[in-house]
Amino acid sequence: MKLLKHIKGIAKSMFKEIFYLGWTLAGTGLVLITLSSSTLTYGIWISAAGLALHLVSIMFDYFDGEQNG
């Protein structure tokens, strides 16, 4: 049950952060639609990597808060 509690907490934190990142993600999408060819591919990879790193940092923050709280 504790694992399920952690999964729910992480999912809630990630959805909240994606909601907060809405304008940033929209701006990224706007820039990406103006790109073409290999530049578009690089832009997608860089954007995906940045989002993934952000979401991983949310998991670390969640577990840090659980240990300290």
PDB file of N, CA and C in Angstrom:
ATOM      1  N   MET A   1       0.816  -1.199   0.000  1.00  0.00           N
ATOM      2  CA  MET A   1       0.000   0.000   0.000  1.00  0.00           C
ATOM      3  C   MET A   1       0.858   1.262   0.000  1.00  0.00           C
ATOM      4  N   LYS A   2       2.032   1.173   0.618  1.00  0.00           N
ATOM      5  CA  LYS A   2       2.905   2.340   0.658  1.00  0.00           C
ATOM      6  C   LYS A   2       3.413   2.686  -0.739  1.00  0.00           C
ATOM      7  N   LEU A   3       3.672   1.639  -1.562  1.00  0.00           N
ATOM      8  CA  LEU A   3       4.118   1.866  -2.935  1.00  0.00           C
ATOM      9  C   LEU A   3       3.032   2.575  -3.735  1.00  0.00           C
ATOM     10  N   LEU A   4       1.792   2.148  -3.546  1.00  0.00           N
ATOM     11  CA  LEU A   4       0.669   2.779  -4.241  1.00  0.00           C
ATOM     12  C   LEU A   4       0.532   4.239  -3.826  1.00  0.00           C
ATOM     13  N   LYS A   5       0.761   4.533  -2.557  1.00  0.00           N
ATOM     14  CA  LYS A   5       0.701   5.910  -2.072  1.00  0.00           C
ATOM     15  C   LYS A   5       1.781   6.757  -2.744  1.00  0.00           C
ATOM     16  N   HIS A   6       2.978   6.195  -2.886  1.00  0.00           N
ATOM     17  CA  HIS A   6       4.069   6.922  -3.552  1.00  0.00           C
ATOM     18  C   HIS A   6       3.755   7.156  -5.022  1.00  0.00           C
ATOM     19  N   ILE A   7       3.225   6.147  -5.685  1.00  0.00           N
ATOM     20  CA  ILE A   7       2.893   6.290  -7.106  1.00  0.00           C
ATOM     21  C   ILE A   7       1.834   7.370  -7.298  1.00  0.00           C
ATOM     22  N   LYS A   8       0.806   7.367  -6.441  1.00  0.00           N
ATOM     23  CA  LYS A   8      -0.241   8.394  -6.531  1.00  0.00           C
ATOM     24  C   LYS A   8       0.331   9.787  -6.269  1.00  0.00           C
ATOM     25  N   GLY A   9       1.219   9.894  -5.289  1.00  0.00           N
ATOM     26  CA  GLY A   9       1.823  11.187  -4.977  1.00  0.00           C
ATOM     27  C   GLY A   9       2.685  11.714  -6.108  1.00  0.00           C
ATOM     28  N   ILE A  10       3.474  10.822  -6.706  1.00  0.00           N
ATOM     29  CA  ILE A  10       4.327  11.228  -7.827  1.00  0.00           C
ATOM     30  C   ILE A  10       3.475  11.637  -9.022  1.00  0.00           C
ATOM     31  N   ALA A  11       2.450  10.839  -9.333  1.00  0.00           N
ATOM     32  CA  ALA A  11       1.582  11.159 -10.469  1.00  0.00           C
ATOM     33  C   ALA A  11       0.893  12.509 -10.258  1.00  0.00           C
ATOM     34  N   LYS A  12       0.424  12.751  -9.056  1.00  0.00           N
ATOM     35  CA  LYS A  12      -0.234  14.032  -8.755  1.00  0.00           C
ATOM     36  C   LYS A  12       0.742  15.188  -8.932  1.00  0.00           C
ATOM     37  N   SER A  13       1.966  15.017  -8.457  1.00  0.00           N
ATOM     38  CA  SER A  13       2.983  16.070  -8.600  1.00  0.00           C
ATOM     39  C   SER A  13       3.315  16.320 -10.060  1.00  0.00           C
ATOM     40  N   MET A  14       3.433  15.251 -10.847  1.00  0.00           N
ATOM     41  CA  MET A  14       3.770  15.412 -12.266  1.00  0.00           C
ATOM     42  C   MET A  14       2.655  16.099 -13.035  1.00  0.00           C
ATOM     43  N   PHE A  15       1.404  15.709 -12.799  1.00  0.00           N
ATOM     44  CA  PHE A  15       0.288  16.350 -13.486  1.00  0.00           C
ATOM     45  C   PHE A  15       0.196  17.826 -13.113  1.00  0.00           C
ATOM     46  N   LYS A  16       0.445  18.129 -11.834  1.00  0.00           N
ATOM     47  CA  LYS A  16       0.412  19.521 -11.394  1.00  0.00           C
ATOM     48  C   LYS A  16       1.509  20.326 -12.093  1.00  0.00           C
ATOM     49  N   GLU A  17       2.707  19.767 -12.188  1.00  0.00           N
ATOM     50  CA  GLU A  17       3.812  20.467 -12.841  1.00  0.00           C
ATOM     51  C   GLU A  17       3.555  20.651 -14.330  1.00  0.00           C
ATOM     52  N   ILE A  18       2.982  19.651 -14.989  1.00  0.00           N
ATOM     53  CA  ILE A  18       2.663  19.796 -16.416  1.00  0.00           C
ATOM     54  C   ILE A  18       1.622  20.889 -16.602  1.00  0.00           C
ATOM     55  N   PHE A  19       0.657  20.975 -15.688  1.00  0.00           N
ATOM     56  CA  PHE A  19      -0.329  22.056 -15.740  1.00  0.00           C
ATOM     57  C   PHE A  19       0.366  23.410 -15.598  1.00  0.00           C
ATOM     58  N   TYR A  20       1.301  23.514 -14.636  1.00  0.00           N
ATOM     59  CA  TYR A  20       2.033  24.758 -14.441  1.00  0.00           C
ATOM     60  C   TYR A  20       2.920  25.095 -15.635  1.00  0.00           C
ATOM     61  N   LEU A  21       3.423  24.066 -16.325  1.00  0.00           N
ATOM     62  CA  LEU A  21       4.303  24.273 -17.473  1.00  0.00           C
ATOM     63  C   LEU A  21       3.530  24.523 -18.769  1.00  0.00           C
ATOM     64  N   GLY A  22       2.239  24.658 -18.677  1.00  0.00           N
ATOM     65  CA  GLY A  22       1.403  24.783 -19.872  1.00  0.00           C
ATOM     66  C   GLY A  22       1.872  25.824 -20.868  1.00  0.00           C
ATOM     67  N   TRP A  23       2.145  27.028 -20.399  1.00  0.00           N
ATOM     68  CA  TRP A  23       2.576  28.089 -21.306  1.00  0.00           C
ATOM     69  C   TRP A  23       3.951  27.809 -21.898  1.00  0.00           C
ATOM     70  N   THR A  24       4.839  27.247 -21.117  1.00  0.00           N
ATOM     71  CA  THR A  24       6.163  26.905 -21.619  1.00  0.00           C
ATOM     72  C   THR A  24       6.074  25.828 -22.694  1.00  0.00           C
ATOM     73  N   LEU A  25       5.255  24.811 -22.430  1.00  0.00           N
ATOM     74  CA  LEU A  25       5.089  23.746 -23.423  1.00  0.00           C
ATOM     75  C   LEU A  25       4.403  24.269 -24.684  1.00  0.00           C
ATOM     76  N   ALA A  26       3.443  25.164 -24.516  1.00  0.00           N
ATOM     77  CA  ALA A  26       2.782  25.757 -25.687  1.00  0.00           C
ATOM     78  C   ALA A  26       3.762  26.579 -26.510  1.00  0.00           C
ATOM     79  N   GLY A  27       4.613  27.338 -25.844  1.00  0.00           N
ATOM     80  CA  GLY A  27       5.631  28.118 -26.554  1.00  0.00           C
ATOM     81  C   GLY A  27       6.622  27.229 -27.278  1.00  0.00           C
ATOM     82  N   THR A  28       6.999  26.139 -26.647  1.00  0.00           N
ATOM     83  CA  THR A  28       7.900  25.191 -27.288  1.00  0.00           C
ATOM     84  C   THR A  28       7.248  24.606 -28.533  1.00  0.00           C
ATOM     85  N   GLY A  29       5.991  24.244 -28.416  1.00  0.00           N
ATOM     86  CA  GLY A  29       5.267  23.721 -29.575  1.00  0.00           C
ATOM     87  C   GLY A  29       5.175  24.729 -30.691  1.00  0.00           C
ATOM     88  N   LEU A  30       4.960  25.993 -30.352  1.00  0.00           N
ATOM     89  CA  LEU A  30       4.880  27.049 -31.348  1.00  0.00           C
ATOM     90  C   LEU A  30       6.206  27.191 -32.095  1.00  0.00           C
ATOM     91  N   VAL A  31       7.295  27.122 -31.386  1.00  0.00           N
ATOM     92  CA  VAL A  31       8.612  27.205 -32.029  1.00  0.00           C
ATOM     93  C   VAL A  31       8.859  25.973 -32.887  1.00  0.00           C
ATOM     94  N   LEU A  32       8.501  24.806 -32.389  1.00  0.00           N
ATOM     95  CA  LEU A  32       8.754  23.575 -33.139  1.00  0.00           C
ATOM     96  C   LEU A  32       8.005  23.528 -34.466  1.00  0.00           C
ATOM     97  N   ILE A  33       6.802  24.100 -34.527  1.00  0.00           N
ATOM     98  CA  ILE A  33       6.066  24.046 -35.795  1.00  0.00           C
ATOM     99  C   ILE A  33       6.683  24.955 -36.857  1.00  0.00           C
ATOM    100  N   THR A  34       7.564  25.867 -36.443  1.00  0.00           N
ATOM    101  CA  THR A  34       8.216  26.732 -37.420  1.00  0.00           C
ATOM    102  C   THR A  34       9.517  26.128 -37.939  1.00  0.00           C
ATOM    103  N   LEU A  35       9.970  25.033 -37.349  1.00  0.00           N
ATOM    104  CA  LEU A  35      11.224  24.412 -37.754  1.00  0.00           C
ATOM    105  C   LEU A  35      10.979  23.361 -38.822  1.00  0.00           C
ATOM    106  N   SER A  36      12.046  22.976 -39.512  1.00  0.00           N
ATOM    107  CA  SER A  36      11.915  21.940 -40.527  1.00  0.00           C
ATOM    108  C   SER A  36      13.168  21.071 -40.545  1.00  0.00           C
ATOM    109  N   SER A  37      13.038  19.911 -41.130  1.00  0.00           N
ATOM    110  CA  SER A  37      14.137  18.984 -41.390  1.00  0.00           C
ATOM    111  C   SER A  37      14.872  18.573 -40.114  1.00  0.00           C
ATOM    112  N   SER A  38      16.197  18.598 -40.170  1.00  0.00           N
ATOM    113  CA  SER A  38      16.988  18.112 -39.035  1.00  0.00           C
ATOM    114  C   SER A  38      16.882  19.048 -37.827  1.00  0.00           C
ATOM    115  N   THR A  39      16.649  20.325 -38.067  1.00  0.00           N
ATOM    116  CA  THR A  39      16.485  21.262 -36.954  1.00  0.00           C
ATOM    117  C   THR A  39      15.254  20.904 -36.132  1.00  0.00           C
ATOM    118  N   LEU A  40      14.194  20.492 -36.818  1.00  0.00           N
ATOM    119  CA  LEU A  40      12.977  20.053 -36.128  1.00  0.00           C
ATOM    120  C   LEU A  40      13.262  18.811 -35.282  1.00  0.00           C
ATOM    121  N   THR A  41      13.992  17.873 -35.845  1.00  0.00           N
ATOM    122  CA  THR A  41      14.333  16.655 -35.111  1.00  0.00           C
ATOM    123  C   THR A  41      15.137  16.979 -33.860  1.00  0.00           C
ATOM    124  N   TYR A  42      16.146  17.838 -33.999  1.00  0.00           N
ATOM    125  CA  TYR A  42      16.940  18.243 -32.834  1.00  0.00           C
ATOM    126  C   TYR A  42      16.066  18.959 -31.803  1.00  0.00           C
ATOM    127  N   GLY A  43      15.188  19.814 -32.258  1.00  0.00           N
ATOM    128  CA  GLY A  43      14.305  20.549 -31.355  1.00  0.00           C
ATOM    129  C   GLY A  43      13.396  19.629 -30.569  1.00  0.00           C
ATOM    130  N   ILE A  44      12.863  18.616 -31.230  1.00  0.00           N
ATOM    131  CA  ILE A  44      11.994  17.655 -30.551  1.00  0.00           C
ATOM    132  C   ILE A  44      12.782  16.879 -29.509  1.00  0.00           C
ATOM    133  N   TRP A  45      13.974  16.409 -29.871  1.00  0.00           N
ATOM    134  CA  TRP A  45      14.796  15.650 -28.926  1.00  0.00           C
ATOM    135  C   TRP A  45      15.199  16.503 -27.723  1.00  0.00           C
ATOM    136  N   ILE A  46      15.595  17.726 -27.968  1.00  0.00           N
ATOM    137  CA  ILE A  46      16.001  18.616 -26.875  1.00  0.00           C
ATOM    138  C   ILE A  46      14.814  18.925 -25.968  1.00  0.00           C
ATOM    139  N   SER A  47      13.649  19.188 -26.562  1.00  0.00           N
ATOM    140  CA  SER A  47      12.448  19.473 -25.769  1.00  0.00           C
ATOM    141  C   SER A  47      12.032  18.264 -24.942  1.00  0.00           C
ATOM    142  N   ALA A  48      12.061  17.085 -25.542  1.00  0.00           N
ATOM    143  CA  ALA A  48      11.688  15.867 -24.824  1.00  0.00           C
ATOM    144  C   ALA A  48      12.669  15.591 -23.679  1.00  0.00           C
ATOM    145  N   ALA A  49      13.957  15.792 -23.940  1.00  0.00           N
ATOM    146  CA  ALA A  49      14.960  15.569 -22.891  1.00  0.00           C
ATOM    147  C   ALA A  49      14.771  16.551 -21.740  1.00  0.00           C
ATOM    148  N   GLY A  50      14.490  17.802 -22.058  1.00  0.00           N
ATOM    149  CA  GLY A  50      14.262  18.808 -21.022  1.00  0.00           C
ATOM    150  C   GLY A  50      13.041  18.482 -20.182  1.00  0.00           C
ATOM    151  N   LEU A  51      11.960  18.057 -20.826  1.00  0.00           N
ATOM    152  CA  LEU A  51      10.749  17.687 -20.095  1.00  0.00           C
ATOM    153  C   LEU A  51      11.007  16.458 -19.220  1.00  0.00           C
ATOM    154  N   ALA A  52      11.713  15.472 -19.766  1.00  0.00           N
ATOM    155  CA  ALA A  52      12.021  14.260 -18.994  1.00  0.00           C
ATOM    156  C   ALA A  52      12.870  14.594 -17.768  1.00  0.00           C
ATOM    157  N   LEU A  53      13.880  15.437 -17.944  1.00  0.00           N
ATOM    158  CA  LEU A  53      14.713  15.825 -16.807  1.00  0.00           C
ATOM    159  C   LEU A  53      13.902  16.561 -15.747  1.00  0.00           C
ATOM    160  N   HIS A  54      12.995  17.413 -16.188  1.00  0.00           N
ATOM    161  CA  HIS A  54      12.148  18.145 -15.247  1.00  0.00           C
ATOM    162  C   HIS A  54      11.263  17.188 -14.451  1.00  0.00           C
ATOM    163  N   LEU A  55      10.666  16.214 -15.144  1.00  0.00           N
ATOM    164  CA  LEU A  55       9.790  15.276 -14.464  1.00  0.00           C
ATOM    165  C   LEU A  55      10.568  14.371 -13.506  1.00  0.00           C
ATOM    166  N   VAL A  56      11.788  14.003 -13.868  1.00  0.00           N
ATOM    167  CA  VAL A  56      12.629  13.214 -12.959  1.00  0.00           C
ATOM    168  C   VAL A  56      12.968  14.036 -11.718  1.00  0.00           C
ATOM    169  N   SER A  57      13.242  15.330 -11.911  1.00  0.00           N
ATOM    170  CA  SER A  57      13.545  16.176 -10.757  1.00  0.00           C
ATOM    171  C   SER A  57      12.342  16.294  -9.829  1.00  0.00           C
ATOM    172  N   ILE A  58      11.127  16.235 -10.382  1.00  0.00           N
ATOM    173  CA  ILE A  58       9.916  16.259  -9.558  1.00  0.00           C
ATOM    174  C   ILE A  58       9.859  15.016  -8.675  1.00  0.00           C
ATOM    175  N   MET A  59      10.229  13.852  -9.236  1.00  0.00           N
ATOM    176  CA  MET A  59      10.236  12.626  -8.434  1.00  0.00           C
ATOM    177  C   MET A  59      11.230  12.741  -7.279  1.00  0.00           C
ATOM    178  N   PHE A  60      12.423  13.290  -7.555  1.00  0.00           N
ATOM    179  CA  PHE A  60      13.409  13.461  -6.494  1.00  0.00           C
ATOM    180  C   PHE A  60      12.897  14.424  -5.424  1.00  0.00           C
ATOM    181  N   ASP A  61      12.272  15.514  -5.849  1.00  0.00           N
ATOM    182  CA  ASP A  61      11.706  16.462  -4.890  1.00  0.00           C
ATOM    183  C   ASP A  61      10.617  15.808  -4.047  1.00  0.00           C
ATOM    184  N   TYR A  62       9.803  14.975  -4.676  1.00  0.00           N
ATOM    185  CA  TYR A  62       8.727  14.293  -3.943  1.00  0.00           C
ATOM    186  C   TYR A  62       9.307  13.392  -2.854  1.00  0.00           C
ATOM    187  N   PHE A  63      10.305  12.583  -3.222  1.00  0.00           N
ATOM    188  CA  PHE A  63      10.887  11.668  -2.239  1.00  0.00           C
ATOM    189  C   PHE A  63      11.653  12.434  -1.174  1.00  0.00           C
ATOM    190  N   ASP A  64      12.283  13.537  -1.543  1.00  0.00           N
ATOM    191  CA  ASP A  64      12.998  14.363  -0.552  1.00  0.00           C
ATOM    192  C   ASP A  64      11.997  14.949   0.435  1.00  0.00           C
ATOM    193  N   GLY A  65      10.857  15.404  -0.051  1.00  0.00           N
ATOM    194  CA  GLY A  65       9.814  15.946   0.817  1.00  0.00           C
ATOM    195  C   GLY A  65       9.214  14.873   1.722  1.00  0.00           C
ATOM    196  N   GLU A  66       9.099  13.637   1.214  1.00  0.00           N
ATOM    197  CA  GLU A  66       8.572  12.545   2.020  1.00  0.00           C
ATOM    198  C   GLU A  66       9.533  12.206   3.169  1.00  0.00           C
ATOM    199  N   GLN A  67      10.823  12.252   2.898  1.00  0.00           N
ATOM    200  CA  GLN A  67      11.796  11.906   3.915  1.00  0.00           C
ATOM    201  C   GLN A  67      11.926  13.010   4.972  1.00  0.00           C
ATOM    202  N   ASN A  68      11.819  14.261   4.526  1.00  0.00           N
ATOM    203  CA  ASN A  68      11.965  15.384   5.456  1.00  0.00           C
ATOM    204  C   ASN A  68      10.661  15.741   6.159  1.00  0.00           C
ATOM    205  N   GLY A  69       9.532  15.336   5.565  1.00  0.00           N
ATOM    206  CA  GLY A  69       8.235  15.753   6.108  1.00  0.00           C
ATOM    207  C   GLY A  69       7.638  14.776   6.975  1.00  0.00           C
TER     208      GLY A  69
END
